[in-house]
């Protein structure tokens, strides 16, 4: 029979690598991740945070079509890019999807958008990030719950909005208001 003291280190390691029980919430530290940007560069959240606070946006990706509400949301963010820059915020857009198609679909999505230098689109192949953040929408023709998080330099979540539908997303105005110094 094994002693529980012998098993404890292994249990700790297993729990540390497990998914969250719920999406990250205000006051928690956002779990770190490394995803590949649309231009092929590894993008690690903690490295982006080293440059300042982050706006983390989770899109729906390609649930059989390019999501029109994702398009509108990203256009709204881009139109307000100067406000995010003045607030010292980097914007990270997460585009989830099946591994085989995610890069192709993300390129299609981004083709008509000129993302500012402080915006980065990252790919979430096979929903690795989406599952880690407990945002996977497990239904036919669904991918991820549209979500927005404001993170301070330490990765602490200061604002979170997770939609359980296609709408109900955070607008640029809402994010900029929440990012303003209190």
N, C-alpha and C. Protein backbone atom coordinates (compact mmCIF):
# COMPACT_ATOMS: atom_id res chain seq x y z
N UNK A 1 0.85 -1.18 0.00
CA UNK A 1 0.00 0.00 0.00
C UNK A 1 0.89 1.24 0.00
N UNK A 2 0.56 2.24 -0.83
CA UNK A 2 1.33 3.47 -0.91
C UNK A 2 0.95 4.42 0.20
N UNK A 3 1.93 5.16 0.66
CA UNK A 3 1.68 6.20 1.65
C UNK A 3 1.15 7.43 0.92
N UNK A 4 0.20 8.12 1.51
CA UNK A 4 -0.34 9.35 0.90
C UNK A 4 0.76 10.38 0.75
N UNK A 5 1.76 10.39 1.65
CA UNK A 5 2.87 11.34 1.55
C UNK A 5 3.68 11.11 0.28
N UNK A 6 3.77 9.85 -0.17
CA UNK A 6 4.50 9.56 -1.40
C UNK A 6 3.71 10.01 -2.63
N UNK A 7 2.39 9.94 -2.56
CA UNK A 7 1.55 10.33 -3.70
C UNK A 7 1.32 11.83 -3.80
N UNK A 8 1.44 12.56 -2.72
CA UNK A 8 1.11 13.98 -2.70
C UNK A 8 1.83 14.79 -3.77
N UNK A 9 3.16 14.61 -3.97
CA UNK A 9 3.81 15.40 -5.04
C UNK A 9 3.22 15.14 -6.41
N UNK A 10 2.84 13.89 -6.70
CA UNK A 10 2.27 13.56 -8.00
C UNK A 10 0.87 14.14 -8.17
N UNK A 11 0.09 14.13 -7.10
CA UNK A 11 -1.24 14.73 -7.15
C UNK A 11 -1.14 16.22 -7.38
N UNK A 12 -0.19 16.87 -6.73
CA UNK A 12 0.00 18.31 -6.90
C UNK A 12 0.33 18.64 -8.34
N UNK A 13 1.23 17.85 -8.94
CA UNK A 13 1.61 18.08 -10.33
C UNK A 13 0.40 17.89 -11.24
N UNK A 14 -0.38 16.85 -11.03
CA UNK A 14 -1.56 16.60 -11.86
C UNK A 14 -2.57 17.73 -11.74
N UNK A 15 -2.81 18.21 -10.53
CA UNK A 15 -3.77 19.29 -10.34
C UNK A 15 -3.29 20.58 -10.97
N UNK A 16 -2.00 20.85 -10.90
CA UNK A 16 -1.46 22.09 -11.46
C UNK A 16 -1.67 22.14 -12.97
N UNK A 17 -1.67 20.99 -13.64
CA UNK A 17 -1.84 20.97 -15.08
C UNK A 17 -3.28 20.83 -15.52
N UNK A 18 -4.20 20.72 -14.59
CA UNK A 18 -5.61 20.50 -14.97
C UNK A 18 -6.28 21.81 -15.33
N UNK A 19 -7.42 21.68 -15.98
CA UNK A 19 -8.19 22.85 -16.38
C UNK A 19 -8.83 23.49 -15.15
N UNK A 20 -9.25 24.71 -15.31
CA UNK A 20 -9.97 25.40 -14.25
C UNK A 20 -11.34 24.76 -14.07
N UNK A 21 -11.93 24.97 -12.92
CA UNK A 21 -13.28 24.46 -12.69
C UNK A 21 -14.33 25.39 -13.29
N UNK A 22 -13.94 26.63 -13.53
CA UNK A 22 -14.82 27.65 -14.10
C UNK A 22 -13.94 28.66 -14.82
N UNK A 23 -14.51 29.47 -15.69
CA UNK A 23 -13.70 30.50 -16.35
C UNK A 23 -13.04 31.41 -15.32
N UNK A 24 -11.88 31.97 -15.65
CA UNK A 24 -11.23 32.89 -14.72
C UNK A 24 -12.13 34.09 -14.42
N UNK A 25 -12.05 34.59 -13.20
CA UNK A 25 -12.94 35.66 -12.74
C UNK A 25 -12.13 36.86 -12.25
N UNK A 26 -12.82 37.97 -12.09
CA UNK A 26 -12.20 39.19 -11.57
C UNK A 26 -11.53 38.86 -10.24
N UNK A 27 -10.30 39.36 -10.10
CA UNK A 27 -9.52 39.14 -8.89
C UNK A 27 -8.55 37.98 -9.01
N UNK A 28 -8.78 37.08 -9.96
CA UNK A 28 -7.87 35.95 -10.15
C UNK A 28 -6.75 36.34 -11.12
N UNK A 29 -5.69 35.56 -11.10
CA UNK A 29 -4.61 35.72 -12.07
C UNK A 29 -4.98 34.88 -13.29
N UNK A 30 -4.90 35.47 -14.45
CA UNK A 30 -5.21 34.75 -15.69
C UNK A 30 -4.14 33.69 -15.92
N UNK A 31 -4.54 32.47 -16.21
CA UNK A 31 -3.56 31.43 -16.50
C UNK A 31 -2.70 31.81 -17.70
N UNK A 32 -1.42 31.57 -17.59
CA UNK A 32 -0.50 31.86 -18.68
C UNK A 32 -0.74 30.88 -19.82
N UNK A 33 -0.42 31.29 -21.02
CA UNK A 33 -0.53 30.42 -22.19
C UNK A 33 0.46 30.88 -23.23
N UNK A 34 0.78 30.01 -24.15
CA UNK A 34 1.58 30.34 -25.32
C UNK A 34 0.81 29.85 -26.54
N UNK A 35 0.48 30.77 -27.42
CA UNK A 35 -0.19 30.44 -28.68
C UNK A 35 0.61 31.08 -29.81
N UNK A 36 0.38 30.63 -31.02
CA UNK A 36 1.09 31.17 -32.18
C UNK A 36 0.28 32.30 -32.78
N UNK A 37 0.97 33.40 -33.08
CA UNK A 37 0.29 34.54 -33.70
C UNK A 37 0.00 34.22 -35.16
N UNK A 38 -0.84 35.04 -35.74
CA UNK A 38 -1.23 34.85 -37.14
C UNK A 38 -0.01 34.87 -38.06
N UNK A 39 1.05 35.61 -37.66
CA UNK A 39 2.26 35.65 -38.49
C UNK A 39 3.29 34.61 -38.07
N UNK A 40 2.88 33.63 -37.24
CA UNK A 40 3.74 32.50 -36.92
C UNK A 40 4.64 32.63 -35.71
N UNK A 41 4.54 33.73 -34.96
CA UNK A 41 5.40 33.91 -33.78
C UNK A 41 4.74 33.34 -32.53
N UNK A 42 5.51 32.62 -31.69
CA UNK A 42 4.96 32.20 -30.40
C UNK A 42 4.64 33.45 -29.56
N UNK A 43 3.47 33.47 -28.98
CA UNK A 43 3.04 34.61 -28.17
C UNK A 43 2.64 34.08 -26.80
N UNK A 44 3.41 34.48 -25.79
CA UNK A 44 3.16 34.03 -24.42
C UNK A 44 2.52 35.17 -23.65
N UNK A 45 1.42 34.90 -22.97
CA UNK A 45 0.70 35.95 -22.25
C UNK A 45 1.62 36.69 -21.30
N UNK A 46 2.42 35.98 -20.51
CA UNK A 46 3.29 36.65 -19.53
C UNK A 46 4.29 37.58 -20.22
N UNK A 47 4.72 37.25 -21.42
CA UNK A 47 5.63 38.14 -22.16
C UNK A 47 4.91 39.39 -22.64
N UNK A 48 3.67 39.24 -23.09
CA UNK A 48 2.89 40.40 -23.52
C UNK A 48 2.63 41.30 -22.31
N UNK A 49 2.33 40.70 -21.16
CA UNK A 49 2.08 41.47 -19.94
C UNK A 49 3.31 42.25 -19.49
N UNK A 50 4.49 41.78 -19.85
CA UNK A 50 5.72 42.51 -19.50
C UNK A 50 5.75 43.88 -20.16
N UNK A 51 5.01 44.04 -21.26
CA UNK A 51 4.92 45.33 -21.95
C UNK A 51 3.79 46.20 -21.44
N UNK A 52 2.95 45.67 -20.53
CA UNK A 52 1.86 46.46 -19.97
C UNK A 52 0.57 45.67 -19.89
N UNK A 53 -0.49 46.31 -19.42
CA UNK A 53 -1.79 45.64 -19.27
C UNK A 53 -2.33 45.14 -20.61
N UNK A 54 -3.19 44.15 -20.53
CA UNK A 54 -3.69 43.48 -21.74
C UNK A 54 -5.21 43.43 -21.75
N UNK A 55 -5.76 43.59 -22.95
CA UNK A 55 -7.17 43.30 -23.22
C UNK A 55 -7.15 41.96 -23.95
N UNK A 56 -7.76 40.95 -23.36
CA UNK A 56 -7.79 39.61 -23.92
C UNK A 56 -9.21 39.33 -24.42
N UNK A 57 -9.33 39.14 -25.73
CA UNK A 57 -10.63 38.92 -26.38
C UNK A 57 -10.67 37.50 -26.95
N UNK A 58 -11.69 36.75 -26.58
CA UNK A 58 -11.88 35.40 -27.12
C UNK A 58 -13.00 35.48 -28.14
N UNK A 59 -12.66 35.16 -29.39
CA UNK A 59 -13.62 35.17 -30.49
C UNK A 59 -14.24 33.78 -30.64
N UNK A 60 -15.20 33.65 -31.51
CA UNK A 60 -15.83 32.36 -31.77
C UNK A 60 -15.08 31.57 -32.83
N UNK A 61 -14.19 32.19 -33.57
CA UNK A 61 -13.48 31.46 -34.61
C UNK A 61 -14.39 31.18 -35.79
N UNK A 62 -14.33 29.95 -36.28
CA UNK A 62 -15.08 29.58 -37.48
C UNK A 62 -16.00 28.40 -37.18
N UNK A 63 -17.22 28.68 -36.71
CA UNK A 63 -18.17 27.60 -36.42
C UNK A 63 -18.96 27.18 -37.67
N UNK A 64 -18.28 27.12 -38.81
CA UNK A 64 -18.94 26.81 -40.08
C UNK A 64 -19.11 28.05 -40.95
N UNK A 65 -18.79 29.21 -40.41
CA UNK A 65 -18.88 30.50 -41.11
C UNK A 65 -18.09 31.52 -40.29
N UNK A 66 -17.71 32.63 -40.92
CA UNK A 66 -17.06 33.69 -40.15
C UNK A 66 -18.14 34.44 -39.37
N UNK A 67 -17.97 34.48 -38.08
CA UNK A 67 -18.98 35.05 -37.19
C UNK A 67 -19.14 36.55 -37.44
N UNK A 68 -20.34 37.01 -37.85
CA UNK A 68 -20.54 38.43 -38.11
C UNK A 68 -20.41 39.29 -36.85
N UNK A 69 -20.78 38.74 -35.69
CA UNK A 69 -20.65 39.52 -34.46
C UNK A 69 -19.18 39.65 -34.04
N UNK A 70 -18.37 38.64 -34.34
CA UNK A 70 -16.93 38.74 -34.09
C UNK A 70 -16.33 39.84 -34.99
N UNK A 71 -16.77 39.86 -36.26
CA UNK A 71 -16.30 40.89 -37.18
C UNK A 71 -16.62 42.28 -36.64
N UNK A 72 -17.86 42.47 -36.21
CA UNK A 72 -18.26 43.78 -35.67
C UNK A 72 -17.46 44.15 -34.42
N UNK A 73 -17.28 43.16 -33.56
CA UNK A 73 -16.54 43.44 -32.32
C UNK A 73 -15.10 43.84 -32.63
N UNK A 74 -14.44 43.12 -33.51
CA UNK A 74 -13.05 43.46 -33.84
C UNK A 74 -12.98 44.80 -34.55
N UNK A 75 -13.93 45.09 -35.43
CA UNK A 75 -13.95 46.41 -36.08
C UNK A 75 -14.10 47.52 -35.04
N UNK A 76 -14.95 47.31 -34.05
CA UNK A 76 -15.14 48.27 -32.97
C UNK A 76 -13.83 48.48 -32.20
N UNK A 77 -13.15 47.39 -31.89
CA UNK A 77 -11.87 47.48 -31.17
C UNK A 77 -10.83 48.23 -32.00
N UNK A 78 -10.74 47.90 -33.29
CA UNK A 78 -9.78 48.56 -34.18
C UNK A 78 -10.10 50.05 -34.31
N UNK A 79 -11.38 50.40 -34.44
CA UNK A 79 -11.76 51.81 -34.55
C UNK A 79 -11.40 52.59 -33.29
N UNK A 80 -11.27 51.90 -32.18
CA UNK A 80 -10.92 52.53 -30.91
C UNK A 80 -9.49 52.21 -30.49
N UNK A 81 -8.67 51.82 -31.45
CA UNK A 81 -7.29 51.42 -31.17
C UNK A 81 -6.50 52.52 -30.47
N UNK A 82 -6.73 53.76 -30.86
CA UNK A 82 -6.00 54.88 -30.25
C UNK A 82 -6.31 54.96 -28.75
N UNK A 83 -7.56 54.73 -28.38
CA UNK A 83 -7.93 54.73 -26.96
C UNK A 83 -7.21 53.65 -26.18
N UNK A 84 -7.08 52.46 -26.78
CA UNK A 84 -6.36 51.37 -26.11
C UNK A 84 -4.88 51.71 -26.00
N UNK A 85 -4.33 52.33 -27.05
CA UNK A 85 -2.91 52.73 -27.01
C UNK A 85 -2.68 53.78 -25.92
N UNK A 86 -3.57 54.77 -25.84
CA UNK A 86 -3.43 55.82 -24.81
C UNK A 86 -3.56 55.23 -23.40
N UNK A 87 -4.36 54.17 -23.27
CA UNK A 87 -4.54 53.50 -21.98
C UNK A 87 -3.38 52.53 -21.69
N UNK A 88 -2.44 52.43 -22.64
CA UNK A 88 -1.30 51.54 -22.46
C UNK A 88 -1.66 50.07 -22.55
N UNK A 89 -2.73 49.76 -23.29
CA UNK A 89 -3.24 48.39 -23.37
C UNK A 89 -2.84 47.71 -24.67
N UNK A 90 -2.29 46.53 -24.57
CA UNK A 90 -2.11 45.64 -25.70
C UNK A 90 -3.40 44.85 -25.86
N UNK A 91 -3.78 44.53 -27.07
CA UNK A 91 -5.00 43.76 -27.33
C UNK A 91 -4.60 42.43 -27.95
N UNK A 92 -5.04 41.33 -27.32
CA UNK A 92 -4.78 39.99 -27.82
C UNK A 92 -6.12 39.36 -28.19
N UNK A 93 -6.25 38.98 -29.46
CA UNK A 93 -7.46 38.36 -29.98
C UNK A 93 -7.20 36.86 -30.14
N UNK A 94 -7.99 36.03 -29.49
CA UNK A 94 -7.82 34.58 -29.58
C UNK A 94 -8.83 34.03 -30.58
N UNK A 95 -8.32 33.35 -31.60
CA UNK A 95 -9.16 32.77 -32.66
C UNK A 95 -9.10 31.25 -32.54
N UNK A 96 -10.16 30.62 -31.97
CA UNK A 96 -10.15 29.17 -31.79
C UNK A 96 -10.66 28.41 -33.00
N UNK A 97 -10.27 27.14 -33.08
CA UNK A 97 -10.80 26.30 -34.15
C UNK A 97 -10.10 24.97 -34.23
N UNK A 98 -10.61 24.09 -35.10
CA UNK A 98 -9.95 22.80 -35.31
C UNK A 98 -8.54 23.03 -35.84
N UNK A 99 -7.59 22.25 -35.35
CA UNK A 99 -6.18 22.45 -35.70
C UNK A 99 -5.89 22.52 -37.18
N UNK A 100 -6.53 21.65 -37.97
CA UNK A 100 -6.24 21.58 -39.39
C UNK A 100 -6.64 22.84 -40.15
N UNK A 101 -7.65 23.54 -39.68
CA UNK A 101 -8.19 24.68 -40.42
C UNK A 101 -7.99 26.04 -39.75
N UNK A 102 -7.55 26.07 -38.51
CA UNK A 102 -7.59 27.32 -37.75
C UNK A 102 -6.76 28.43 -38.40
N UNK A 103 -5.57 28.13 -38.90
CA UNK A 103 -4.73 29.18 -39.51
C UNK A 103 -5.40 29.74 -40.77
N UNK A 104 -5.90 28.85 -41.61
CA UNK A 104 -6.58 29.28 -42.85
C UNK A 104 -7.79 30.15 -42.53
N UNK A 105 -8.60 29.71 -41.59
CA UNK A 105 -9.82 30.45 -41.25
C UNK A 105 -9.49 31.79 -40.59
N UNK A 106 -8.47 31.81 -39.75
CA UNK A 106 -8.07 33.07 -39.10
C UNK A 106 -7.54 34.06 -40.13
N UNK A 107 -6.80 33.58 -41.11
CA UNK A 107 -6.32 34.46 -42.19
C UNK A 107 -7.49 35.05 -42.97
N UNK A 108 -8.51 34.21 -43.24
CA UNK A 108 -9.71 34.71 -43.92
C UNK A 108 -10.38 35.81 -43.08
N UNK A 109 -10.48 35.55 -41.78
CA UNK A 109 -11.12 36.51 -40.87
C UNK A 109 -10.36 37.83 -40.86
N UNK A 110 -9.05 37.77 -40.82
CA UNK A 110 -8.22 38.97 -40.69
C UNK A 110 -7.96 39.67 -42.01
N UNK A 111 -8.28 39.05 -43.14
CA UNK A 111 -7.93 39.58 -44.46
C UNK A 111 -8.42 41.00 -44.69
N UNK A 112 -9.59 41.35 -44.20
CA UNK A 112 -10.14 42.69 -44.46
C UNK A 112 -9.94 43.63 -43.27
N UNK A 113 -9.05 43.25 -42.36
CA UNK A 113 -8.82 44.08 -41.17
C UNK A 113 -7.35 44.49 -41.10
N UNK A 114 -7.12 45.73 -40.75
CA UNK A 114 -5.75 46.20 -40.55
C UNK A 114 -5.56 46.33 -39.04
N UNK A 115 -4.97 45.30 -38.45
CA UNK A 115 -4.78 45.32 -37.00
C UNK A 115 -3.61 46.24 -36.65
N UNK A 116 -3.81 47.15 -35.71
CA UNK A 116 -2.74 48.05 -35.28
C UNK A 116 -1.59 47.27 -34.65
N UNK A 117 -0.45 47.90 -34.52
CA UNK A 117 0.76 47.25 -34.00
C UNK A 117 0.57 46.70 -32.60
N UNK A 118 -0.30 47.31 -31.78
CA UNK A 118 -0.49 46.83 -30.41
C UNK A 118 -1.62 45.80 -30.31
N UNK A 119 -2.06 45.28 -31.45
CA UNK A 119 -3.04 44.19 -31.51
C UNK A 119 -2.33 42.94 -32.02
N UNK A 120 -2.64 41.81 -31.44
CA UNK A 120 -2.09 40.53 -31.89
C UNK A 120 -3.22 39.52 -31.96
N UNK A 121 -3.32 38.83 -33.10
CA UNK A 121 -4.28 37.73 -33.20
C UNK A 121 -3.49 36.45 -33.03
N UNK A 122 -3.96 35.59 -32.11
CA UNK A 122 -3.31 34.30 -31.87
C UNK A 122 -4.27 33.18 -32.20
N UNK A 123 -3.71 32.05 -32.59
CA UNK A 123 -4.49 30.89 -32.99
C UNK A 123 -4.63 29.92 -31.83
N UNK A 124 -5.82 29.39 -31.65
CA UNK A 124 -6.10 28.41 -30.61
C UNK A 124 -6.50 27.09 -31.28
N UNK A 125 -5.49 26.35 -31.81
CA UNK A 125 -5.81 25.11 -32.50
C UNK A 125 -6.34 24.05 -31.54
N UNK A 126 -7.39 23.39 -31.96
CA UNK A 126 -8.02 22.32 -31.20
C UNK A 126 -8.49 22.77 -29.82
N UNK A 127 -8.72 24.08 -29.68
CA UNK A 127 -9.36 24.64 -28.47
C UNK A 127 -8.54 24.44 -27.19
N UNK A 128 -7.24 24.39 -27.31
CA UNK A 128 -6.39 24.19 -26.13
C UNK A 128 -6.59 25.32 -25.12
N UNK A 129 -6.45 26.55 -25.58
CA UNK A 129 -6.65 27.71 -24.70
C UNK A 129 -8.11 27.77 -24.22
N UNK A 130 -9.03 27.59 -25.15
CA UNK A 130 -10.46 27.68 -24.84
C UNK A 130 -10.84 26.70 -23.73
N UNK A 131 -10.33 25.51 -23.81
CA UNK A 131 -10.59 24.51 -22.76
C UNK A 131 -9.89 24.89 -21.47
N UNK A 132 -8.64 25.38 -21.56
CA UNK A 132 -7.90 25.78 -20.37
C UNK A 132 -8.66 26.86 -19.60
N UNK A 133 -9.27 27.78 -20.31
CA UNK A 133 -10.02 28.89 -19.71
C UNK A 133 -11.49 28.54 -19.45
N UNK A 134 -11.87 27.29 -19.70
CA UNK A 134 -13.24 26.82 -19.50
C UNK A 134 -14.25 27.65 -20.31
N UNK A 135 -13.89 27.95 -21.55
CA UNK A 135 -14.73 28.76 -22.42
C UNK A 135 -15.22 27.97 -23.64
N UNK A 136 -14.98 26.68 -23.67
CA UNK A 136 -15.38 25.85 -24.81
C UNK A 136 -16.89 25.70 -24.81
N UNK A 137 -17.51 26.11 -25.91
CA UNK A 137 -18.96 26.02 -26.09
C UNK A 137 -19.24 24.70 -26.80
N UNK A 138 -19.60 23.69 -26.05
CA UNK A 138 -19.80 22.34 -26.57
C UNK A 138 -21.22 22.18 -27.10
N UNK A 139 -21.46 22.69 -28.28
CA UNK A 139 -22.75 22.54 -28.95
C UNK A 139 -22.49 22.53 -30.45
N UNK A 140 -23.44 22.01 -31.21
CA UNK A 140 -23.29 21.96 -32.66
C UNK A 140 -23.05 23.37 -33.22
N UNK A 141 -22.08 23.49 -34.10
CA UNK A 141 -21.71 24.75 -34.74
C UNK A 141 -21.27 25.82 -33.75
N UNK A 142 -20.71 25.41 -32.63
CA UNK A 142 -20.18 26.38 -31.66
C UNK A 142 -18.71 26.07 -31.40
N UNK A 143 -18.01 27.03 -30.89
CA UNK A 143 -16.57 26.89 -30.64
C UNK A 143 -16.21 27.36 -29.24
N UNK A 144 -16.40 28.66 -28.99
CA UNK A 144 -16.03 29.25 -27.71
C UNK A 144 -17.05 30.30 -27.32
N UNK A 145 -17.20 30.51 -26.02
CA UNK A 145 -18.05 31.60 -25.55
C UNK A 145 -17.31 32.91 -25.79
N UNK A 146 -17.93 33.88 -26.49
CA UNK A 146 -17.28 35.17 -26.69
C UNK A 146 -16.98 35.81 -25.34
N UNK A 147 -15.74 36.21 -25.14
CA UNK A 147 -15.32 36.69 -23.83
C UNK A 147 -14.33 37.83 -23.94
N UNK A 148 -14.28 38.64 -22.88
CA UNK A 148 -13.30 39.73 -22.80
C UNK A 148 -12.79 39.82 -21.37
N UNK A 149 -11.49 40.01 -21.25
CA UNK A 149 -10.85 40.15 -19.95
C UNK A 149 -9.90 41.33 -20.00
N UNK A 150 -9.87 42.13 -18.95
CA UNK A 150 -8.84 43.15 -18.78
C UNK A 150 -7.88 42.61 -17.73
N UNK A 151 -6.59 42.63 -18.07
CA UNK A 151 -5.57 42.13 -17.17
C UNK A 151 -4.60 43.26 -16.83
N UNK A 152 -4.26 43.39 -15.54
CA UNK A 152 -3.23 44.37 -15.20
C UNK A 152 -1.86 43.76 -15.49
N UNK A 153 -0.80 44.50 -15.23
CA UNK A 153 0.56 44.04 -15.56
C UNK A 153 0.93 42.72 -14.89
N UNK A 154 0.30 42.40 -13.77
CA UNK A 154 0.61 41.17 -13.05
C UNK A 154 -0.21 39.99 -13.57
N UNK A 155 -1.15 40.26 -14.47
CA UNK A 155 -2.03 39.21 -14.98
C UNK A 155 -3.32 39.09 -14.20
N UNK A 156 -3.49 39.96 -13.20
CA UNK A 156 -4.73 39.93 -12.41
C UNK A 156 -5.89 40.44 -13.28
N UNK A 157 -6.99 39.72 -13.22
CA UNK A 157 -8.16 40.09 -14.01
C UNK A 157 -8.91 41.20 -13.27
N UNK A 158 -9.08 42.34 -13.95
CA UNK A 158 -9.78 43.47 -13.35
C UNK A 158 -11.18 43.66 -13.94
N UNK A 159 -11.45 42.95 -15.04
CA UNK A 159 -12.76 43.01 -15.69
C UNK A 159 -12.92 41.71 -16.47
N UNK A 160 -14.11 41.15 -16.42
CA UNK A 160 -14.40 39.94 -17.20
C UNK A 160 -15.84 39.98 -17.68
N UNK A 161 -16.03 39.66 -18.94
CA UNK A 161 -17.38 39.55 -19.49
C UNK A 161 -17.39 38.33 -20.40
N UNK A 162 -18.20 37.36 -20.03
CA UNK A 162 -18.31 36.11 -20.78
C UNK A 162 -19.77 35.98 -21.22
N UNK A 163 -19.98 35.89 -22.53
CA UNK A 163 -21.32 35.79 -23.06
C UNK A 163 -21.71 34.32 -23.21
N UNK A 164 -22.94 33.99 -22.86
CA UNK A 164 -23.41 32.63 -23.08
C UNK A 164 -24.28 32.55 -24.35
N UNK A 165 -24.11 33.58 -25.20
CA UNK A 165 -24.79 33.60 -26.49
C UNK A 165 -23.85 34.24 -27.50
N UNK A 166 -24.31 34.42 -28.71
CA UNK A 166 -23.46 35.05 -29.72
C UNK A 166 -23.28 36.54 -29.45
N UNK A 167 -24.28 37.16 -28.86
CA UNK A 167 -24.22 38.59 -28.55
C UNK A 167 -23.70 38.81 -27.13
N UNK A 168 -24.05 39.94 -26.56
CA UNK A 168 -23.65 40.24 -25.19
C UNK A 168 -22.16 40.40 -24.99
N UNK A 169 -21.48 40.88 -26.00
CA UNK A 169 -20.03 41.02 -25.94
C UNK A 169 -19.64 42.37 -25.38
N UNK A 170 -18.42 42.44 -24.90
CA UNK A 170 -17.89 43.71 -24.41
C UNK A 170 -17.57 44.61 -25.60
N UNK A 171 -18.02 45.85 -25.53
CA UNK A 171 -17.71 46.83 -26.57
C UNK A 171 -16.40 47.53 -26.22
N UNK A 172 -15.82 48.20 -27.19
CA UNK A 172 -14.59 48.97 -26.95
C UNK A 172 -14.85 50.03 -25.88
N UNK A 173 -15.99 50.70 -25.95
CA UNK A 173 -16.32 51.73 -24.96
C UNK A 173 -16.37 51.14 -23.56
N UNK A 174 -17.03 50.00 -23.41
CA UNK A 174 -17.13 49.33 -22.12
C UNK A 174 -15.74 48.95 -21.59
N UNK A 175 -14.90 48.43 -22.48
CA UNK A 175 -13.54 48.04 -22.06
C UNK A 175 -12.69 49.24 -21.70
N UNK A 176 -12.79 50.31 -22.48
CA UNK A 176 -12.01 51.51 -22.18
C UNK A 176 -12.47 52.17 -20.88
N UNK A 177 -13.77 52.15 -20.63
CA UNK A 177 -14.30 52.68 -19.37
C UNK A 177 -13.77 51.88 -18.19
N UNK A 178 -13.80 50.55 -18.32
CA UNK A 178 -13.32 49.67 -17.25
C UNK A 178 -11.81 49.78 -17.07
N UNK A 179 -11.08 50.13 -18.14
CA UNK A 179 -9.63 50.25 -18.06
C UNK A 179 -9.16 51.59 -17.50
N UNK A 180 -10.07 52.57 -17.46
CA UNK A 180 -9.69 53.91 -17.00
C UNK A 180 -9.32 53.88 -15.52
N UNK A 181 -8.30 54.64 -15.14
CA UNK A 181 -7.92 54.69 -13.72
C UNK A 181 -9.09 55.16 -12.87
N UNK A 182 -9.26 54.51 -11.75
CA UNK A 182 -10.37 54.86 -10.84
C UNK A 182 -9.99 56.02 -9.95
